[in-house]
């Protein structure tokens, strides 16, 4: 995540095909923490570049309300993935 925080770092990751590796990792990884990190990094790599002056994502100030909504959304997505894995596990048992 640190490397993807800067414009130069994101450019480097994209030029090396990191998205393809992350996409493949995300397709078979089962640990929720790793899946979450993959999703976040993929979003950064495929998203539009931030506007000028906001290129370093570590220096961007996020309003508390928005930060809480993002955390809530992450928690909700993680719960959905865990439920999906439980269903997949029940279907193969």
PDB file of N, CA and C in Angstrom:
ATOM      1  N   UNK A   1       0.807  -1.188   0.000  1.00  0.00           N
ATOM      2  CA  UNK A   1       0.000   0.000   0.000  1.00  0.00           C
ATOM      3  C   UNK A   1       0.855   1.260   0.000  1.00  0.00           C
ATOM      4  N   UNK A   2       1.988   1.216   0.672  1.00  0.00           N
ATOM      5  CA  UNK A   2       2.846   2.399   0.745  1.00  0.00           C
ATOM      6  C   UNK A   2       3.352   2.790  -0.636  1.00  0.00           C
ATOM      7  N   UNK A   3       3.738   1.809  -1.437  1.00  0.00           N
ATOM      8  CA  UNK A   3       4.244   2.101  -2.774  1.00  0.00           C
ATOM      9  C   UNK A   3       3.155   2.725  -3.636  1.00  0.00           C
ATOM     10  N   UNK A   4       1.925   2.320  -3.437  1.00  0.00           N
ATOM     11  CA  UNK A   4       0.811   2.848  -4.229  1.00  0.00           C
ATOM     12  C   UNK A   4       0.348   4.218  -3.748  1.00  0.00           C
ATOM     13  N   UNK A   5       0.946   4.720  -2.689  1.00  0.00           N
ATOM     14  CA  UNK A   5       0.521   6.011  -2.140  1.00  0.00           C
ATOM     15  C   UNK A   5       0.954   7.181  -3.016  1.00  0.00           C
ATOM     16  N   UNK A   6       2.016   7.013  -3.778  1.00  0.00           N
ATOM     17  CA  UNK A   6       2.503   8.121  -4.599  1.00  0.00           C
ATOM     18  C   UNK A   6       2.235   7.855  -6.077  1.00  0.00           C
ATOM     19  N   UNK A   7       2.155   8.910  -6.835  1.00  0.00           N
ATOM     20  CA  UNK A   7       1.909   8.794  -8.269  1.00  0.00           C
ATOM     21  C   UNK A   7       3.004   7.978  -8.938  1.00  0.00           C
ATOM     22  N   UNK A   8       4.247   8.241  -8.585  1.00  0.00           N
ATOM     23  CA  UNK A   8       5.367   7.491  -9.179  1.00  0.00           C
ATOM     24  C   UNK A   8       5.275   6.004  -8.817  1.00  0.00           C
ATOM     25  N   UNK A   9       4.909   5.710  -7.586  1.00  0.00           N
ATOM     26  CA  UNK A   9       4.761   4.321  -7.159  1.00  0.00           C
ATOM     27  C   UNK A   9       3.645   3.614  -7.900  1.00  0.00           C
ATOM     28  N   UNK A  10       2.520   4.286  -8.070  1.00  0.00           N
ATOM     29  CA  UNK A  10       1.392   3.688  -8.800  1.00  0.00           C
ATOM     30  C   UNK A  10       1.780   3.437 -10.250  1.00  0.00           C
ATOM     31  N   UNK A  11       2.475   4.393 -10.845  1.00  0.00           N
ATOM     32  CA  UNK A  11       2.924   4.242 -12.232  1.00  0.00           C
ATOM     33  C   UNK A  11       3.847   3.018 -12.351  1.00  0.00           C
ATOM     34  N   UNK A  12       4.751   2.864 -11.395  1.00  0.00           N
ATOM     35  CA  UNK A  12       5.677   1.733 -11.401  1.00  0.00           C
ATOM     36  C   UNK A  12       4.907   0.411 -11.272  1.00  0.00           C
ATOM     37  N   UNK A  13       3.973   0.345 -10.330  1.00  0.00           N
ATOM     38  CA  UNK A  13       3.195  -0.887 -10.149  1.00  0.00           C
ATOM     39  C   UNK A  13       2.406  -1.240 -11.410  1.00  0.00           C
ATOM     40  N   UNK A  14       1.797  -0.238 -12.023  1.00  0.00           N
ATOM     41  CA  UNK A  14       1.040  -0.491 -13.252  1.00  0.00           C
ATOM     42  C   UNK A  14       1.942  -0.983 -14.370  1.00  0.00           C
ATOM     43  N   UNK A  15       3.122  -0.385 -14.501  1.00  0.00           N
ATOM     44  CA  UNK A  15       4.023  -0.741 -15.596  1.00  0.00           C
ATOM     45  C   UNK A  15       4.568  -2.153 -15.459  1.00  0.00           C
ATOM     46  N   UNK A  16       4.519  -2.704 -14.273  1.00  0.00           N
ATOM     47  CA  UNK A  16       5.038  -4.050 -14.033  1.00  0.00           C
ATOM     48  C   UNK A  16       3.944  -5.121 -14.046  1.00  0.00           C
ATOM     49  N   UNK A  17       2.720  -4.749 -14.369  1.00  0.00           N
ATOM     50  CA  UNK A  17       1.635  -5.726 -14.451  1.00  0.00           C
ATOM     51  C   UNK A  17       1.126  -6.197 -13.105  1.00  0.00           C
ATOM     52  N   UNK A  18       1.295  -5.380 -12.086  1.00  0.00           N
ATOM     53  CA  UNK A  18       0.884  -5.775 -10.737  1.00  0.00           C
ATOM     54  C   UNK A  18      -0.609  -6.053 -10.635  1.00  0.00           C
ATOM     55  N   UNK A  19      -1.407  -5.340 -11.412  1.00  0.00           N
ATOM     56  CA  UNK A  19      -2.854  -5.562 -11.358  1.00  0.00           C
ATOM     57  C   UNK A  19      -3.200  -7.014 -11.678  1.00  0.00           C
ATOM     58  N   UNK A  20      -2.573  -7.565 -12.703  1.00  0.00           N
ATOM     59  CA  UNK A  20      -2.864  -8.950 -13.099  1.00  0.00           C
ATOM     60  C   UNK A  20      -2.509  -9.934 -11.990  1.00  0.00           C
ATOM     61  N   UNK A  21      -1.392  -9.701 -11.330  1.00  0.00           N
ATOM     62  CA  UNK A  21      -0.978 -10.569 -10.227  1.00  0.00           C
ATOM     63  C   UNK A  21      -1.966 -10.449  -9.068  1.00  0.00           C
ATOM     64  N   UNK A  22      -2.346  -9.225  -8.729  1.00  0.00           N
ATOM     65  CA  UNK A  22      -3.294  -9.017  -7.637  1.00  0.00           C
ATOM     66  C   UNK A  22      -4.658  -9.619  -7.947  1.00  0.00           C
ATOM     67  N   UNK A  23      -5.088  -9.489  -9.187  1.00  0.00           N
ATOM     68  CA  UNK A  23      -6.379 -10.060  -9.590  1.00  0.00           C
ATOM     69  C   UNK A  23      -6.362 -11.577  -9.427  1.00  0.00           C
ATOM     70  N   UNK A  24      -5.274 -12.208  -9.814  1.00  0.00           N
ATOM     71  CA  UNK A  24      -5.153 -13.660  -9.668  1.00  0.00           C
ATOM     72  C   UNK A  24      -5.098 -14.055  -8.197  1.00  0.00           C
ATOM     73  N   UNK A  25      -4.324 -13.324  -7.414  1.00  0.00           N
ATOM     74  CA  UNK A  25      -4.242 -13.593  -5.978  1.00  0.00           C
ATOM     75  C   UNK A  25      -5.624 -13.480  -5.341  1.00  0.00           C
ATOM     76  N   UNK A  26      -6.357 -12.453  -5.715  1.00  0.00           N
ATOM     77  CA  UNK A  26      -7.689 -12.242  -5.148  1.00  0.00           C
ATOM     78  C   UNK A  26      -8.643 -13.386  -5.496  1.00  0.00           C
ATOM     79  N   UNK A  27      -8.435 -14.043  -6.629  1.00  0.00           N
ATOM     80  CA  UNK A  27      -9.349 -15.110  -7.053  1.00  0.00           C
ATOM     81  C   UNK A  27      -9.211 -16.388  -6.228  1.00  0.00           C
ATOM     82  N   UNK A  28      -8.055 -16.604  -5.605  1.00  0.00           N
ATOM     83  CA  UNK A  28      -7.907 -17.837  -4.824  1.00  0.00           C
ATOM     84  C   UNK A  28      -7.580 -17.624  -3.351  1.00  0.00           C
ATOM     85  N   UNK A  29      -7.232 -16.429  -2.953  1.00  0.00           N
ATOM     86  CA  UNK A  29      -6.891 -16.156  -1.551  1.00  0.00           C
ATOM     87  C   UNK A  29      -8.127 -16.293  -0.670  1.00  0.00           C
ATOM     88  N   UNK A  30      -7.952 -16.802   0.552  1.00  0.00           N
ATOM     89  CA  UNK A  30      -9.075 -17.005   1.465  1.00  0.00           C
ATOM     90  C   UNK A  30      -8.977 -16.187   2.743  1.00  0.00           C
ATOM     91  N   UNK A  31      -7.809 -15.630   3.054  1.00  0.00           N
ATOM     92  CA  UNK A  31      -7.680 -14.850   4.282  1.00  0.00           C
ATOM     93  C   UNK A  31      -8.328 -13.483   4.092  1.00  0.00           C
ATOM     94  N   UNK A  32      -9.276 -13.125   4.952  1.00  0.00           N
ATOM     95  CA  UNK A  32      -9.993 -11.860   4.804  1.00  0.00           C
ATOM     96  C   UNK A  32      -9.090 -10.629   4.759  1.00  0.00           C
ATOM     97  N   UNK A  33      -8.042 -10.617   5.564  1.00  0.00           N
ATOM     98  CA  UNK A  33      -7.151  -9.450   5.598  1.00  0.00           C
ATOM     99  C   UNK A  33      -6.416  -9.287   4.268  1.00  0.00           C
ATOM    100  N   UNK A  34      -5.995 -10.402   3.682  1.00  0.00           N
ATOM    101  CA  UNK A  34      -5.274 -10.350   2.409  1.00  0.00           C
ATOM    102  C   UNK A  34      -6.235  -9.956   1.283  1.00  0.00           C
ATOM    103  N   UNK A  35      -7.431 -10.503   1.312  1.00  0.00           N
ATOM    104  CA  UNK A  35      -8.438 -10.148   0.310  1.00  0.00           C
ATOM    105  C   UNK A  35      -8.758  -8.658   0.366  1.00  0.00           C
ATOM    106  N   UNK A  36      -8.900  -8.139   1.564  1.00  0.00           N
ATOM    107  CA  UNK A  36      -9.204  -6.725   1.723  1.00  0.00           C
ATOM    108  C   UNK A  36      -8.068  -5.865   1.175  1.00  0.00           C
ATOM    109  N   UNK A  37      -6.838  -6.218   1.498  1.00  0.00           N
ATOM    110  CA  UNK A  37      -5.687  -5.466   0.998  1.00  0.00           C
ATOM    111  C   UNK A  37      -5.616  -5.532  -0.528  1.00  0.00           C
ATOM    112  N   UNK A  38      -5.883  -6.703  -1.093  1.00  0.00           N
ATOM    113  CA  UNK A  38      -5.889  -6.850  -2.561  1.00  0.00           C
ATOM    114  C   UNK A  38      -6.942  -5.948  -3.187  1.00  0.00           C
ATOM    115  N   UNK A  39      -8.148  -5.976  -2.646  1.00  0.00           N
ATOM    116  CA  UNK A  39      -9.235  -5.150  -3.182  1.00  0.00           C
ATOM    117  C   UNK A  39      -8.871  -3.672  -3.167  1.00  0.00           C
ATOM    118  N   UNK A  40      -8.342  -3.228  -2.049  1.00  0.00           N
ATOM    119  CA  UNK A  40      -7.995  -1.809  -1.910  1.00  0.00           C
ATOM    120  C   UNK A  40      -6.904  -1.414  -2.892  1.00  0.00           C
ATOM    121  N   UNK A  41      -5.890  -2.252  -3.014  1.00  0.00           N
ATOM    122  CA  UNK A  41      -4.796  -1.930  -3.927  1.00  0.00           C
ATOM    123  C   UNK A  41      -5.254  -1.978  -5.372  1.00  0.00           C
ATOM    124  N   UNK A  42      -6.084  -2.936  -5.701  1.00  0.00           N
ATOM    125  CA  UNK A  42      -6.632  -3.009  -7.064  1.00  0.00           C
ATOM    126  C   UNK A  42      -7.419  -1.736  -7.374  1.00  0.00           C
ATOM    127  N   UNK A  43      -8.230  -1.276  -6.436  1.00  0.00           N
ATOM    128  CA  UNK A  43      -9.009  -0.054  -6.666  1.00  0.00           C
ATOM    129  C   UNK A  43      -8.107   1.147  -6.913  1.00  0.00           C
ATOM    130  N   UNK A  44      -7.012   1.219  -6.179  1.00  0.00           N
ATOM    131  CA  UNK A  44      -6.073   2.328  -6.372  1.00  0.00           C
ATOM    132  C   UNK A  44      -5.434   2.242  -7.758  1.00  0.00           C
ATOM    133  N   UNK A  45      -5.068   1.023  -8.165  1.00  0.00           N
ATOM    134  CA  UNK A  45      -4.383   0.856  -9.452  1.00  0.00           C
ATOM    135  C   UNK A  45      -5.299   1.072 -10.648  1.00  0.00           C
ATOM    136  N   UNK A  46      -6.564   0.693 -10.539  1.00  0.00           N
ATOM    137  CA  UNK A  46      -7.451   0.843 -11.701  1.00  0.00           C
ATOM    138  C   UNK A  46      -8.227   2.153 -11.680  1.00  0.00           C
ATOM    139  N   UNK A  47      -8.171   2.866 -10.552  1.00  0.00           N
ATOM    140  CA  UNK A  47      -8.902   4.124 -10.438  1.00  0.00           C
ATOM    141  C   UNK A  47      -8.212   5.258 -11.177  1.00  0.00           C
ATOM    142  N   UNK A  48      -8.945   6.333 -11.332  1.00  0.00           N
ATOM    143  CA  UNK A  48      -8.381   7.543 -11.925  1.00  0.00           C
ATOM    144  C   UNK A  48      -7.338   8.129 -10.976  1.00  0.00           C
ATOM    145  N   UNK A  49      -6.351   8.772 -11.566  1.00  0.00           N
ATOM    146  CA  UNK A  49      -5.347   9.450 -10.750  1.00  0.00           C
ATOM    147  C   UNK A  49      -5.997  10.636 -10.031  1.00  0.00           C
ATOM    148  N   UNK A  50      -5.601  10.866  -8.786  1.00  0.00           N
ATOM    149  CA  UNK A  50      -6.129  12.020  -8.055  1.00  0.00           C
ATOM    150  C   UNK A  50      -5.742  13.325  -8.742  1.00  0.00           C
ATOM    151  N   UNK A  51      -6.507  14.347  -8.448  1.00  0.00           N
ATOM    152  CA  UNK A  51      -6.226  15.651  -9.050  1.00  0.00           C
ATOM    153  C   UNK A  51      -4.899  16.197  -8.552  1.00  0.00           C
ATOM    154  N   UNK A  52      -4.383  17.172  -9.262  1.00  0.00           N
ATOM    155  CA  UNK A  52      -3.095  17.769  -8.915  1.00  0.00           C
ATOM    156  C   UNK A  52      -3.118  18.282  -7.475  1.00  0.00           C
ATOM    157  N   UNK A  53      -2.030  18.029  -6.782  1.00  0.00           N
ATOM    158  CA  UNK A  53      -1.925  18.429  -5.385  1.00  0.00           C
ATOM    159  C   UNK A  53      -2.353  17.334  -4.421  1.00  0.00           C
ATOM    160  N   UNK A  54      -2.935  16.268  -4.956  1.00  0.00           N
ATOM    161  CA  UNK A  54      -3.379  15.154  -4.111  1.00  0.00           C
ATOM    162  C   UNK A  54      -2.726  13.846  -4.547  1.00  0.00           C
ATOM    163  N   UNK A  55      -1.619  13.937  -5.269  1.00  0.00           N
ATOM    164  CA  UNK A  55      -0.973  12.754  -5.818  1.00  0.00           C
ATOM    165  C   UNK A  55      -0.452  11.806  -4.746  1.00  0.00           C
ATOM    166  N   UNK A  56      -0.035  12.337  -3.593  1.00  0.00           N
ATOM    167  CA  UNK A  56       0.441  11.494  -2.504  1.00  0.00           C
ATOM    168  C   UNK A  56      -0.731  11.201  -1.582  1.00  0.00           C
ATOM    169  N   UNK A  57      -1.243   9.998  -1.660  1.00  0.00           N
ATOM    170  CA  UNK A  57      -2.449   9.630  -0.915  1.00  0.00           C
ATOM    171  C   UNK A  57      -2.244   9.625   0.596  1.00  0.00           C
ATOM    172  N   UNK A  58      -0.991   9.529   1.040  1.00  0.00           N
ATOM    173  CA  UNK A  58      -0.722   9.560   2.473  1.00  0.00           C
ATOM    174  C   UNK A  58      -0.890  10.955   3.055  1.00  0.00           C
ATOM    175  N   UNK A  59      -0.894  11.960   2.193  1.00  0.00           N
ATOM    176  CA  UNK A  59      -1.010  13.334   2.652  1.00  0.00           C
ATOM    177  C   UNK A  59      -2.421  13.908   2.480  1.00  0.00           C
ATOM    178  N   UNK A  60      -3.337  13.112   1.978  1.00  0.00           N
ATOM    179  CA  UNK A  60      -4.701  13.574   1.752  1.00  0.00           C
ATOM    180  C   UNK A  60      -5.488  13.477   3.055  1.00  0.00           C
ATOM    181  N   UNK A  61      -6.164  14.547   3.415  1.00  0.00           N
ATOM    182  CA  UNK A  61      -6.999  14.556   4.610  1.00  0.00           C
ATOM    183  C   UNK A  61      -8.404  14.082   4.235  1.00  0.00           C
ATOM    184  N   UNK A  62      -8.863  13.068   4.956  1.00  0.00           N
ATOM    185  CA  UNK A  62     -10.192  12.516   4.698  1.00  0.00           C
ATOM    186  C   UNK A  62     -11.103  12.933   5.848  1.00  0.00           C
ATOM    187  N   UNK A  63     -12.243  13.542   5.533  1.00  0.00           N
ATOM    188  CA  UNK A  63     -13.180  13.932   6.600  1.00  0.00           C
ATOM    189  C   UNK A  63     -13.600  12.709   7.424  1.00  0.00           C
ATOM    190  N   UNK A  64     -13.757  12.909   8.731  1.00  0.00           N
ATOM    191  CA  UNK A  64     -14.096  11.810   9.636  1.00  0.00           C
ATOM    192  C   UNK A  64     -15.329  11.037   9.194  1.00  0.00           C
ATOM    193  N   UNK A  65     -16.361  11.753   8.767  1.00  0.00           N
ATOM    194  CA  UNK A  65     -17.606  11.104   8.358  1.00  0.00           C
ATOM    195  C   UNK A  65     -17.368  10.165   7.175  1.00  0.00           C
ATOM    196  N   UNK A  66     -16.608  10.615   6.202  1.00  0.00           N
ATOM    197  CA  UNK A  66     -16.302   9.793   5.041  1.00  0.00           C
ATOM    198  C   UNK A  66     -15.439   8.603   5.434  1.00  0.00           C
ATOM    199  N   UNK A  67     -14.462   8.832   6.287  1.00  0.00           N
ATOM    200  CA  UNK A  67     -13.603   7.741   6.736  1.00  0.00           C
ATOM    201  C   UNK A  67     -14.425   6.658   7.437  1.00  0.00           C
ATOM    202  N   UNK A  68     -15.385   7.063   8.276  1.00  0.00           N
ATOM    203  CA  UNK A  68     -16.229   6.093   8.970  1.00  0.00           C
ATOM    204  C   UNK A  68     -17.102   5.329   7.989  1.00  0.00           C
ATOM    205  N   UNK A  69     -17.644   6.023   6.978  1.00  0.00           N
ATOM    206  CA  UNK A  69     -18.463   5.341   5.969  1.00  0.00           C
ATOM    207  C   UNK A  69     -17.627   4.319   5.207  1.00  0.00           C
ATOM    208  N   UNK A  70     -16.391   4.663   4.894  1.00  0.00           N
ATOM    209  CA  UNK A  70     -15.513   3.732   4.182  1.00  0.00           C
ATOM    210  C   UNK A  70     -15.185   2.517   5.049  1.00  0.00           C
ATOM    211  N   UNK A  71     -14.938   2.750   6.331  1.00  0.00           N
ATOM    212  CA  UNK A  71     -14.678   1.624   7.244  1.00  0.00           C
ATOM    213  C   UNK A  71     -15.909   0.726   7.358  1.00  0.00           C
ATOM    214  N   UNK A  72     -17.083   1.332   7.453  1.00  0.00           N
ATOM    215  CA  UNK A  72     -18.321   0.556   7.526  1.00  0.00           C
ATOM    216  C   UNK A  72     -18.514  -0.282   6.267  1.00  0.00           C
ATOM    217  N   UNK A  73     -18.232   0.327   5.111  1.00  0.00           N
ATOM    218  CA  UNK A  73     -18.369  -0.401   3.846  1.00  0.00           C
ATOM    219  C   UNK A  73     -17.383  -1.566   3.772  1.00  0.00           C
ATOM    220  N   UNK A  74     -16.147  -1.340   4.224  1.00  0.00           N
ATOM    221  CA  UNK A  74     -15.158  -2.421   4.246  1.00  0.00           C
ATOM    222  C   UNK A  74     -15.635  -3.569   5.130  1.00  0.00           C
ATOM    223  N   UNK A  75     -16.159  -3.233   6.296  1.00  0.00           N
ATOM    224  CA  UNK A  75     -16.645  -4.263   7.220  1.00  0.00           C
ATOM    225  C   UNK A  75     -17.804  -5.035   6.600  1.00  0.00           C
ATOM    226  N   UNK A  76     -18.700  -4.325   5.930  1.00  0.00           N
ATOM    227  CA  UNK A  76     -19.840  -4.968   5.281  1.00  0.00           C
ATOM    228  C   UNK A  76     -19.374  -5.910   4.167  1.00  0.00           C
ATOM    229  N   UNK A  77     -18.435  -5.456   3.356  1.00  0.00           N
ATOM    230  CA  UNK A  77     -17.905  -6.300   2.275  1.00  0.00           C
ATOM    231  C   UNK A  77     -17.217  -7.536   2.831  1.00  0.00           C
ATOM    232  N   UNK A  78     -16.485  -7.377   3.926  1.00  0.00           N
ATOM    233  CA  UNK A  78     -15.811  -8.513   4.536  1.00  0.00           C
ATOM    234  C   UNK A  78     -16.833  -9.526   5.059  1.00  0.00           C
ATOM    235  N   UNK A  79     -17.909  -9.042   5.671  1.00  0.00           N
ATOM    236  CA  UNK A  79     -18.964  -9.934   6.158  1.00  0.00           C
ATOM    237  C   UNK A  79     -19.595 -10.701   5.002  1.00  0.00           C
ATOM    238  N   UNK A  80     -19.836 -10.010   3.883  1.00  0.00           N
ATOM    239  CA  UNK A  80     -20.425 -10.672   2.721  1.00  0.00           C
ATOM    240  C   UNK A  80     -19.495 -11.749   2.170  1.00  0.00           C
ATOM    241  N   UNK A  81     -18.210 -11.471   2.116  1.00  0.00           N
ATOM    242  CA  UNK A  81     -17.255 -12.461   1.624  1.00  0.00           C
ATOM    243  C   UNK A  81     -17.187 -13.667   2.549  1.00  0.00           C
ATOM    244  N   UNK A  82     -17.214 -13.425   3.857  1.00  0.00           N
ATOM    245  CA  UNK A  82     -17.194 -14.531   4.805  1.00  0.00           C
ATOM    246  C   UNK A  82     -18.440 -15.391   4.651  1.00  0.00           C
ATOM    247  N   UNK A  83     -19.581 -14.757   4.458  1.00  0.00           N
ATOM    248  CA  UNK A  83     -20.831 -15.500   4.254  1.00  0.00           C
ATOM    249  C   UNK A  83     -20.762 -16.326   2.976  1.00  0.00           C
ATOM    250  N   UNK A  84     -20.225 -15.736   1.925  1.00  0.00           N
ATOM    251  CA  UNK A  84     -20.081 -16.452   0.656  1.00  0.00           C
ATOM    252  C   UNK A  84     -19.174 -17.669   0.821  1.00  0.00           C
ATOM    253  N   UNK A  85     -18.070 -17.515   1.563  1.00  0.00           N
ATOM    254  CA  UNK A  85     -17.162 -18.638   1.798  1.00  0.00           C
ATOM    255  C   UNK A  85     -17.836 -19.730   2.616  1.00  0.00           C
ATOM    256  N   UNK A  86     -18.660 -19.322   3.607  1.00  0.00           N
ATOM    257  CA  UNK A  86     -19.381 -20.320   4.400  1.00  0.00           C
ATOM    258  C   UNK A  86     -20.337 -21.114   3.509  1.00  0.00           C
ATOM    259  N   UNK A  87     -21.026 -20.411   2.603  1.00  0.00           N
ATOM    260  CA  UNK A  87     -21.941 -21.093   1.686  1.00  0.00           C
ATOM    261  C   UNK A  87     -21.190 -22.029   0.757  1.00  0.00           C
ATOM    262  N   UNK A  88     -20.026 -21.585   0.237  1.00  0.00           N
ATOM    263  CA  UNK A  88     -19.224 -22.443  -0.630  1.00  0.00           C
ATOM    264  C   UNK A  88     -18.752 -23.675   0.120  1.00  0.00           C
ATOM    265  N   UNK A  89     -18.336 -23.474   1.379  1.00  0.00           N
ATOM    266  CA  UNK A  89     -17.879 -24.593   2.194  1.00  0.00           C
ATOM    267  C   UNK A  89     -18.999 -25.571   2.500  1.00  0.00           C
ATOM    268  N   UNK A  90     -20.199 -25.058   2.725  1.00  0.00           N
ATOM    269  CA  UNK A  90     -21.353 -25.908   3.015  1.00  0.00           C
ATOM    270  C   UNK A  90     -21.768 -26.691   1.767  1.00  0.00           C
ATOM    271  N   UNK A  91     -21.583 -26.101   0.619  1.00  0.00           N
ATOM    272  CA  UNK A  91     -21.960 -26.762  -0.628  1.00  0.00           C
ATOM    273  C   UNK A  91     -21.025 -27.899  -1.018  1.00  0.00           C
ATOM    274  N   UNK A  92     -19.795 -27.849  -0.529  1.00  0.00           N
ATOM    275  CA  UNK A  92     -18.829 -28.902  -0.884  1.00  0.00           C
ATOM    276  C   UNK A  92     -18.740 -29.973   0.176  1.00  0.00           C
ATOM    277  N   UNK A  93     -19.364 -29.754   1.328  1.00  0.00           N
ATOM    278  CA  UNK A  93     -19.287 -30.722   2.427  1.00  0.00           C
ATOM    279  C   UNK A  93     -20.281 -31.831   2.261  1.00  0.00           C
TER     280      UNK A  93
END
